[in-house]
């Protein structure tokens, strides 16, 4: 018998719990303690493996200091739904949301907003662009070398 897949809405709500928890710098263990749960249960909630009931969702909203609606923001778009014309999320925006929902994205964002000098911010952006271009060039070169060696 095949295992059941988590419901897309449960996955979305769990990812929003994880995002908010990471933004405020709270560990799964600490959140679990505040809720009277184990960190493993928090992991299951965040992955969407276990559904979060209404009372738990309300408790989470209080602990994480967000309105309950926060957990449902962007749910329609993230589950492949179409918004009204002009309001649909582009692939780039979805990619950015995924990045900001990652640990690296959050850490990079936190560090970047602490840079107060606009010139330094601009240089950081230029550095990241240069690094990403170097990576793209290296990948292209590797594909070329691999294709040549395969011949």
Protein backbone atom coordinates (compact mmCIF):
# COMPACT_ATOMS: atom_id res chain seq x y z
CA UNK A 1 0.00 0.00 0.00
CA UNK A 2 1.34 3.39 -0.99
CA UNK A 3 1.72 6.10 1.67
CA UNK A 4 -0.54 9.13 1.50
CA UNK A 5 0.95 12.35 0.20
CA UNK A 6 0.50 15.49 2.27
CA UNK A 7 -2.25 17.85 1.16
CA UNK A 8 -0.83 20.87 -0.75
CA UNK A 9 -2.58 23.28 1.62
CA UNK A 10 -1.02 21.54 4.65
CA UNK A 11 2.39 21.83 2.97
CA UNK A 12 1.81 25.54 2.30
CA UNK A 13 0.65 26.29 5.84
CA UNK A 14 3.60 24.33 7.24
CA UNK A 15 6.04 26.23 5.05
CA UNK A 16 4.60 29.51 6.33
CA UNK A 17 5.07 28.30 9.93
CA UNK A 18 8.70 27.45 9.10
CA UNK A 19 9.25 30.80 7.36
CA UNK A 20 7.94 32.82 10.30
CA UNK A 21 9.82 30.68 12.85
CA UNK A 22 13.07 31.20 10.95
CA UNK A 23 12.47 34.94 10.47
CA UNK A 24 12.16 35.45 14.22
CA UNK A 25 15.09 33.12 14.90
CA UNK A 26 13.21 30.51 16.89
CA UNK A 27 14.27 26.85 16.86
CA UNK A 28 11.85 23.98 16.31
CA UNK A 29 12.68 22.81 19.82
CA UNK A 30 11.79 26.20 21.35
CA UNK A 31 8.54 26.41 19.39
CA UNK A 32 7.69 22.88 20.47
CA UNK A 33 8.31 23.78 24.12
CA UNK A 34 6.04 26.82 23.86
CA UNK A 35 3.30 24.64 22.34
CA UNK A 36 3.79 21.63 24.60
CA UNK A 37 4.98 19.49 21.67
CA UNK A 38 8.20 17.79 20.59
CA UNK A 39 10.40 19.29 17.91
CA UNK A 40 9.58 16.21 15.80
CA UNK A 41 5.91 17.23 15.82
CA UNK A 42 6.89 20.74 14.73
CA UNK A 43 8.91 19.17 11.88
CA UNK A 44 5.85 17.19 10.80
CA UNK A 45 3.71 20.34 10.86
CA UNK A 46 6.30 22.28 8.84
CA UNK A 47 6.54 19.54 6.18
CA UNK A 48 2.76 19.23 5.96
CA UNK A 49 2.96 15.58 7.02
CA UNK A 50 0.60 16.31 9.91
CA UNK A 51 -2.31 18.69 9.55
CA UNK A 52 -2.47 21.65 11.93
CA UNK A 53 -5.85 21.93 13.64
CA UNK A 54 -7.62 25.24 14.17
CA UNK A 55 -6.73 25.58 17.85
CA UNK A 56 -3.05 24.80 17.16
CA UNK A 57 -3.02 27.26 14.27
CA UNK A 58 -4.41 29.94 16.56
CA UNK A 59 -1.76 29.06 19.18
CA UNK A 60 0.95 29.28 16.50
CA UNK A 61 -0.32 32.69 15.41
CA UNK A 62 0.01 33.97 18.97
CA UNK A 63 3.46 32.49 19.58
CA UNK A 64 4.82 33.61 16.20
CA UNK A 65 3.06 37.00 16.51
CA UNK A 66 1.23 36.91 13.19
CA UNK A 67 -2.47 36.87 12.30
CA UNK A 68 -3.92 33.47 11.38
CA UNK A 69 -4.33 34.71 7.78
CA UNK A 70 -0.52 34.85 7.50
CA UNK A 71 -0.40 31.07 7.17
CA UNK A 72 -2.68 31.19 4.11
CA UNK A 73 -1.07 34.11 2.27
CA UNK A 74 -0.09 33.21 -1.31
CA UNK A 75 -1.70 29.77 -0.91
CA UNK A 76 -3.76 30.09 -4.07
CA UNK A 77 -0.72 30.90 -6.22
CA UNK A 78 1.55 28.31 -4.59
CA UNK A 79 -0.95 25.55 -5.35
CA UNK A 80 -1.13 26.39 -9.05
CA UNK A 81 -4.25 28.52 -8.83
CA UNK A 82 -4.77 31.50 -11.08
CA UNK A 83 -5.31 34.94 -9.68
CA UNK A 84 -7.19 37.72 -11.38
CA UNK A 85 -5.45 39.02 -14.50
CA UNK A 86 -2.47 41.13 -13.56
CA UNK A 87 -2.19 39.66 -10.08
CA UNK A 88 -0.79 36.23 -10.90
CA UNK A 89 2.60 35.49 -9.41
CA UNK A 90 5.32 35.16 -12.01
CA UNK A 91 7.84 32.32 -11.99
CA UNK A 92 10.48 34.82 -10.85
CA UNK A 93 8.37 35.87 -7.88
CA UNK A 94 7.75 32.23 -6.92
CA UNK A 95 11.50 31.58 -7.16
CA UNK A 96 12.18 34.58 -4.92
CA UNK A 97 9.65 33.38 -2.36
CA UNK A 98 11.29 29.94 -2.36
CA UNK A 99 14.70 31.56 -1.90
CA UNK A 100 13.53 33.79 0.93
CA UNK A 101 11.93 30.74 2.55
CA UNK A 102 15.32 29.00 2.64
CA UNK A 103 17.87 29.32 5.43
CA UNK A 104 20.48 30.80 3.04
CA UNK A 105 17.98 33.31 1.68
CA UNK A 106 16.95 34.47 5.14
CA UNK A 107 20.54 34.75 6.37
CA UNK A 108 21.63 36.65 3.26
CA UNK A 109 18.65 38.99 3.54
CA UNK A 110 19.26 39.64 7.26
CA UNK A 111 22.93 40.43 6.68
CA UNK A 112 22.25 42.59 3.62
CA UNK A 113 19.66 44.83 5.31
CA UNK A 114 22.18 45.55 8.08
CA UNK A 115 24.49 47.22 5.55
CA UNK A 116 23.67 50.90 5.88
CA UNK A 117 26.08 52.36 3.29
CA UNK A 118 24.37 52.40 -0.15
CA UNK A 119 27.75 52.20 -1.91
CA UNK A 120 28.66 49.03 -0.01
CA UNK A 121 25.24 47.53 -0.81
CA UNK A 122 25.78 48.24 -4.49
CA UNK A 123 29.23 46.61 -4.37
CA UNK A 124 27.79 43.51 -2.67
CA UNK A 125 25.18 43.20 -5.43
CA UNK A 126 27.90 43.62 -8.07
CA UNK A 127 29.99 40.93 -6.35
CA UNK A 128 27.10 38.47 -6.29
CA UNK A 129 26.36 39.18 -9.97
CA UNK A 130 30.01 38.62 -10.88
CA UNK A 131 30.10 35.37 -8.92
CA UNK A 132 26.91 34.12 -10.56
CA UNK A 133 28.25 35.01 -14.02
CA UNK A 134 31.50 33.16 -13.26
CA UNK A 135 29.48 30.12 -12.19
CA UNK A 136 27.40 30.26 -15.39
CA UNK A 137 30.56 30.53 -17.54
CA UNK A 138 32.17 27.61 -15.67
CA UNK A 139 29.06 25.47 -16.19
CA UNK A 140 29.02 26.28 -19.90
CA UNK A 141 32.72 25.46 -20.19
CA UNK A 142 32.22 22.15 -18.37
CA UNK A 143 29.37 21.19 -20.73
CA UNK A 144 31.55 22.05 -23.73
CA UNK A 145 34.49 20.00 -22.43
CA UNK A 146 32.20 17.07 -21.62
CA UNK A 147 30.64 17.17 -25.09
CA UNK A 148 34.07 17.30 -26.74
CA UNK A 149 35.41 14.40 -24.68
CA UNK A 150 32.32 12.31 -25.49
CA UNK A 151 33.07 12.61 -29.23
